[in-house]
Amino acid sequence: MPQQQIILVRHAETAWNRSRRYYTGHDDPDLTAAGKREAGLLRPHLEAYQDAHVLCSPALRARRTAALAGLSADIDPDLQEWSYQLPDGHTMDERCGSGPCHHDIWDSALHTTACAGECLPGVTARADRVLEHARRLLAGGRPVVLVSHGNLIRLMTARWLGLPAAAGAHLALRTASLGRLAHYDGRPSLLGWNFSPSFDDRLLARPPAATADPPVPPTQRIPPTPAPPQQAPDATMHRP
């Protein structure tokens, strides 16, 4: 039932998304022109959730995505992106200039190594608070829309499914994409994932390439199998 669903919305493209600079932390880049178009394409897919409880990250890129998608949102600080304490949008291949850091944020080693930013246990507790809040809102009979960031959405989805937080590393997610969490057969389930109108609608609208019908092989008549030759009766069997 739609009113029992949590809709996940990842913000649209920023300049750092375009250049694959993932670890933005508390830095707050705005959407690119392409990102603003992406966010606008979300609007028709979210029209059915105008009466939903909408919670949004305080980051500018998330708030602008919500507005361009036609959503009126309340700010929830727990939906802020994972704080990596890596300035200027680092990538996984770069090194920190100062202080200890660990670039593989999903690695369980973060439990034991020095962590300059928000470590996995801390961000997991924050994601769990968001999900608990969403469950309370769902009990009121209205759907919930969460506008947030890629890695936090991935982690929340893993937790909704009852998986370890680090399982979120296996849930790839595009910008300006939608996911759906709900219960199916009584179990927390993933009903939709990584649907991006700017990407998927374009593929769906592309007409299939015309292909010629394969030639039909001619019908071949299979000759009947000849009957075995009849043997002459044994004359000795008829002697009186």
Protein backbone atom coordinates (compact mmCIF):
# COMPACT_ATOMS: atom_id res chain seq x y z
CA MET A 1 0.00 0.00 0.00
CA PRO A 2 1.46 3.43 -0.95
CA GLN A 3 0.74 4.91 2.49
CA GLN A 4 2.97 2.26 4.06
CA GLN A 5 6.02 3.06 1.95
CA ILE A 6 9.21 5.00 2.56
CA ILE A 7 10.35 6.79 -0.61
CA LEU A 8 14.09 7.47 -0.80
CA VAL A 9 15.27 10.42 -2.90
CA ARG A 10 18.93 11.03 -3.57
CA HIS A 11 19.81 14.64 -4.38
CA ALA A 12 20.58 15.59 -7.98
CA GLU A 13 24.01 16.16 -9.53
CA THR A 14 26.60 18.56 -8.12
CA ALA A 15 29.92 19.51 -9.68
CA TRP A 16 31.63 17.03 -7.38
CA ASN A 17 29.32 14.21 -8.45
CA ARG A 18 30.21 15.00 -12.05
CA SER A 19 33.94 14.82 -11.30
CA ARG A 20 33.48 11.69 -9.13
CA ARG A 21 34.56 13.47 -5.95
CA TYR A 22 32.44 11.47 -3.57
CA TYR A 23 33.55 12.36 -0.08
CA THR A 24 32.00 15.77 0.39
CA GLY A 25 31.15 15.40 4.09
CA HIS A 26 29.78 18.70 5.44
CA ASP A 27 30.90 20.66 2.38
CA ASP A 28 27.85 21.93 0.56
CA PRO A 29 28.12 22.30 -3.24
CA ASP A 30 25.03 23.43 -5.14
CA LEU A 31 23.40 21.56 -8.02
CA THR A 32 24.78 21.92 -11.52
CA ALA A 33 22.50 23.04 -14.37
CA ALA A 34 22.18 19.37 -15.31
CA GLY A 35 21.37 18.55 -11.69
CA LYS A 36 18.54 21.08 -11.64
CA ARG A 37 17.07 19.44 -14.74
CA GLU A 38 17.44 16.04 -13.08
CA ALA A 39 15.60 17.23 -9.98
CA GLY A 40 12.76 18.65 -12.08
CA LEU A 41 12.30 15.29 -13.78
CA LEU A 42 11.54 13.74 -10.39
CA ARG A 43 8.39 15.84 -10.01
CA PRO A 44 5.88 13.67 -11.94
CA HIS A 45 7.16 10.56 -10.16
CA LEU A 46 6.54 12.13 -6.75
CA GLU A 47 3.12 13.65 -7.39
CA ALA A 48 1.43 10.69 -5.68
CA TYR A 49 3.28 11.56 -2.45
CA GLN A 50 2.21 15.19 -2.01
CA ASP A 51 0.48 14.28 1.27
CA ALA A 52 3.50 12.38 2.58
CA HIS A 53 5.68 13.29 5.52
CA VAL A 54 8.75 14.71 3.76
CA LEU A 55 12.03 14.90 5.67
CA CYS A 56 15.12 16.42 4.08
CA SER A 57 18.82 16.80 4.77
CA PRO A 58 19.84 20.38 5.66
CA ALA A 59 22.36 20.40 2.79
CA LEU A 60 21.65 22.90 0.01
CA ARG A 61 21.82 20.24 -2.72
CA ALA A 62 19.16 18.18 -0.95
CA ARG A 63 16.88 21.13 -0.17
CA ARG A 64 17.07 22.40 -3.74
CA THR A 65 16.35 18.91 -5.10
CA ALA A 66 13.26 18.67 -2.89
CA ALA A 67 11.99 22.07 -4.01
CA LEU A 68 12.54 21.39 -7.72
CA ALA A 69 10.82 18.01 -7.31
CA GLY A 70 7.75 19.77 -5.89
CA LEU A 71 8.18 18.63 -2.29
CA SER A 72 7.60 20.73 0.81
CA ALA A 73 10.03 19.28 3.32
CA ASP A 74 10.90 19.48 7.00
CA ILE A 75 14.61 19.48 7.81
CA ASP A 76 16.00 16.51 9.73
CA PRO A 77 19.70 16.92 10.69
CA ASP A 78 20.05 13.13 10.91
CA LEU A 79 19.66 12.98 7.10
CA GLN A 80 22.89 14.95 6.59
CA GLU A 81 25.57 13.21 4.53
CA TRP A 82 28.19 11.06 6.19
CA SER A 83 30.84 13.38 7.59
CA TYR A 84 34.21 12.20 6.26
CA GLN A 85 36.23 15.24 7.33
CA LEU A 86 37.87 15.21 3.91
CA PRO A 87 37.77 18.75 2.47
CA ASP A 88 37.22 19.63 -1.18
CA GLY A 89 35.45 16.45 -2.17
CA HIS A 90 38.17 13.80 -1.99
CA THR A 91 38.06 10.60 -3.99
CA MET A 92 39.01 7.13 -2.78
CA ASP A 93 42.39 7.41 -4.53
CA GLU A 94 43.50 10.56 -2.73
CA ARG A 95 45.24 10.88 0.61
CA CYS A 96 44.40 13.15 3.52
CA GLY A 97 46.69 16.14 3.86
CA SER A 98 46.54 16.13 7.66
CA GLY A 99 45.34 13.83 10.38
CA PRO A 100 44.45 10.14 10.24
CA CYS A 101 41.83 9.02 7.78
CA HIS A 102 40.47 5.89 6.21
CA HIS A 103 39.04 6.18 2.74
CA ASP A 104 37.15 2.91 2.62
CA ILE A 105 34.29 4.11 4.78
CA TRP A 106 32.51 0.74 4.54
CA ASP A 107 35.47 -1.23 5.87
CA SER A 108 34.85 -2.84 9.26
CA ALA A 109 38.41 -1.80 10.15
CA LEU A 110 36.96 1.61 10.93
CA HIS A 111 35.93 0.14 14.25
CA THR A 112 39.55 -0.20 15.31
CA THR A 113 41.53 2.36 13.30
CA ALA A 114 41.69 6.10 13.94
CA CYS A 115 38.76 7.83 12.26
CA ALA A 116 39.02 11.53 11.52
CA GLY A 117 35.39 11.85 10.50
CA GLU A 118 32.15 10.10 11.38
CA CYS A 119 32.90 6.42 11.88
CA LEU A 120 30.64 3.62 10.77
CA PRO A 121 29.07 2.91 14.21
CA GLY A 122 28.15 6.56 14.67
CA VAL A 123 26.55 7.04 11.28
CA THR A 124 24.73 3.71 11.68
CA ALA A 125 23.13 4.95 14.90
CA ARG A 126 22.06 8.11 13.08
CA ALA A 127 20.53 6.11 10.22
CA ASP A 128 18.69 3.90 12.70
CA ARG A 129 17.18 7.01 14.31
CA VAL A 130 15.87 8.14 10.93
CA LEU A 131 14.28 4.77 10.26
CA GLU A 132 12.67 4.65 13.69
CA HIS A 133 11.23 8.13 13.12
CA ALA A 134 9.93 7.01 9.71
CA ARG A 135 8.25 3.94 11.24
CA ARG A 136 6.42 6.13 13.75
CA LEU A 137 5.21 8.40 10.94
CA LEU A 138 4.07 5.42 8.85
CA ALA A 139 1.91 4.29 11.74
CA GLY A 140 -0.17 7.42 11.18
CA GLY A 141 -1.26 6.16 7.78
CA ARG A 142 0.76 8.44 5.49
CA PRO A 143 3.85 7.60 3.41
CA VAL A 144 7.26 9.04 4.21
CA VAL A 145 9.71 10.64 1.76
CA LEU A 146 13.37 10.97 2.78
CA VAL A 147 15.55 13.34 0.71
CA SER A 148 19.18 12.64 1.48
CA HIS A 149 22.58 11.59 0.17
CA GLY A 150 23.98 8.57 -1.62
CA ASN A 151 25.97 6.80 1.06
CA LEU A 152 23.52 7.52 3.86
CA ILE A 153 20.61 6.21 1.78
CA ARG A 154 22.60 3.08 0.95
CA LEU A 155 23.36 2.51 4.64
CA MET A 156 19.73 3.14 5.70
CA THR A 157 18.51 0.66 3.10
CA ALA A 158 20.83 -2.03 4.39
CA ARG A 159 19.59 -1.41 7.93
CA TRP A 160 15.93 -1.51 6.83
CA LEU A 161 16.59 -4.92 5.32
CA GLY A 162 18.14 -6.18 8.55
CA LEU A 163 21.65 -6.31 7.06
CA PRO A 164 24.90 -5.01 8.51
CA ALA A 165 25.47 -1.35 7.72
CA ALA A 166 28.49 -2.19 5.56
CA ALA A 167 26.19 -4.08 3.15
CA GLY A 168 25.20 -0.66 1.83
CA ALA A 169 28.47 -0.68 -0.10
CA HIS A 170 26.85 -3.07 -2.58
CA LEU A 171 23.85 -0.83 -3.35
CA ALA A 172 24.94 1.48 -6.18
CA LEU A 173 22.86 4.65 -6.47
CA ARG A 174 22.63 7.35 -9.15
CA THR A 175 21.99 11.02 -8.49
CA ALA A 176 18.33 12.14 -8.60
CA SER A 177 17.19 8.56 -8.11
CA LEU A 178 14.30 6.97 -6.23
CA GLY A 179 13.97 3.90 -4.05
CA ARG A 180 11.03 2.35 -2.18
CA LEU A 181 11.07 0.57 1.16
CA ALA A 182 8.04 -1.28 2.49
CA HIS A 183 6.95 -4.58 4.00
CA TYR A 184 6.30 -7.53 1.70
CA ASP A 185 4.83 -10.72 3.16
CA GLY A 186 5.46 -9.23 6.57
CA ARG A 187 9.18 -8.63 5.98
CA PRO A 188 11.04 -5.35 5.47
CA SER A 189 11.68 -5.33 1.74
CA LEU A 190 13.13 -3.30 -1.11
CA LEU A 191 10.35 -2.66 -3.65
CA GLY A 192 12.26 -0.33 -5.97
CA TRP A 193 15.82 0.86 -6.31
CA ASN A 194 17.98 3.29 -8.29
CA PHE A 195 15.26 4.53 -10.64
CA SER A 196 16.59 7.76 -12.14
CA PRO A 197 14.11 9.53 -14.49
CA SER A 198 16.89 11.44 -16.24
CA PHE A 199 18.50 8.10 -17.11
CA ASP A 200 15.79 5.43 -17.17
CA ASP A 201 13.01 7.46 -18.81
CA ARG A 202 15.36 8.23 -21.68
CA LEU A 203 16.00 4.54 -22.17
CA LEU A 204 12.31 3.68 -21.97
CA ALA A 205 11.44 6.36 -24.53
CA ARG A 206 13.97 5.13 -27.06
CA PRO A 207 12.18 3.14 -29.76
CA PRO A 208 13.50 -0.36 -30.28
CA ALA A 209 15.75 -0.79 -33.25
CA ALA A 210 13.95 -2.18 -36.27
CA THR A 211 14.97 -5.70 -37.06
CA ALA A 212 14.02 -7.80 -40.06
CA ASP A 213 12.04 -10.93 -39.42
CA PRO A 214 14.28 -13.98 -39.62
CA PRO A 215 13.66 -16.08 -42.71
CA VAL A 216 11.35 -18.98 -42.20
CA PRO A 217 12.94 -22.23 -43.36
CA PRO A 218 10.97 -24.04 -46.06
CA THR A 219 8.79 -26.87 -44.96
CA GLN A 220 10.43 -30.14 -45.73
CA ARG A 221 8.38 -33.24 -46.32
CA ILE A 222 9.86 -36.17 -44.50
CA PRO A 223 9.38 -39.30 -46.62
CA PRO A 224 7.53 -42.08 -44.85
CA THR A 225 9.61 -44.89 -43.51
CA PRO A 226 9.23 -47.82 -45.90
CA ALA A 227 7.50 -50.86 -44.47
CA PRO A 228 9.77 -53.84 -43.90
CA PRO A 229 9.52 -56.49 -46.66
CA GLN A 230 7.08 -59.29 -45.90
CA GLN A 231 8.56 -62.74 -45.68
CA ALA A 232 6.95 -65.67 -47.55
CA PRO A 233 5.23 -68.12 -45.21
CA ASP A 234 7.20 -71.19 -44.29
CA ALA A 235 5.65 -74.03 -46.34
CA THR A 236 6.69 -76.64 -43.77
CA MET A 237 4.30 -75.15 -41.20
CA HIS A 238 1.29 -76.09 -43.40
CA ARG A 239 2.12 -79.73 -44.10
CA PRO A 240 -0.51 -82.18 -42.89
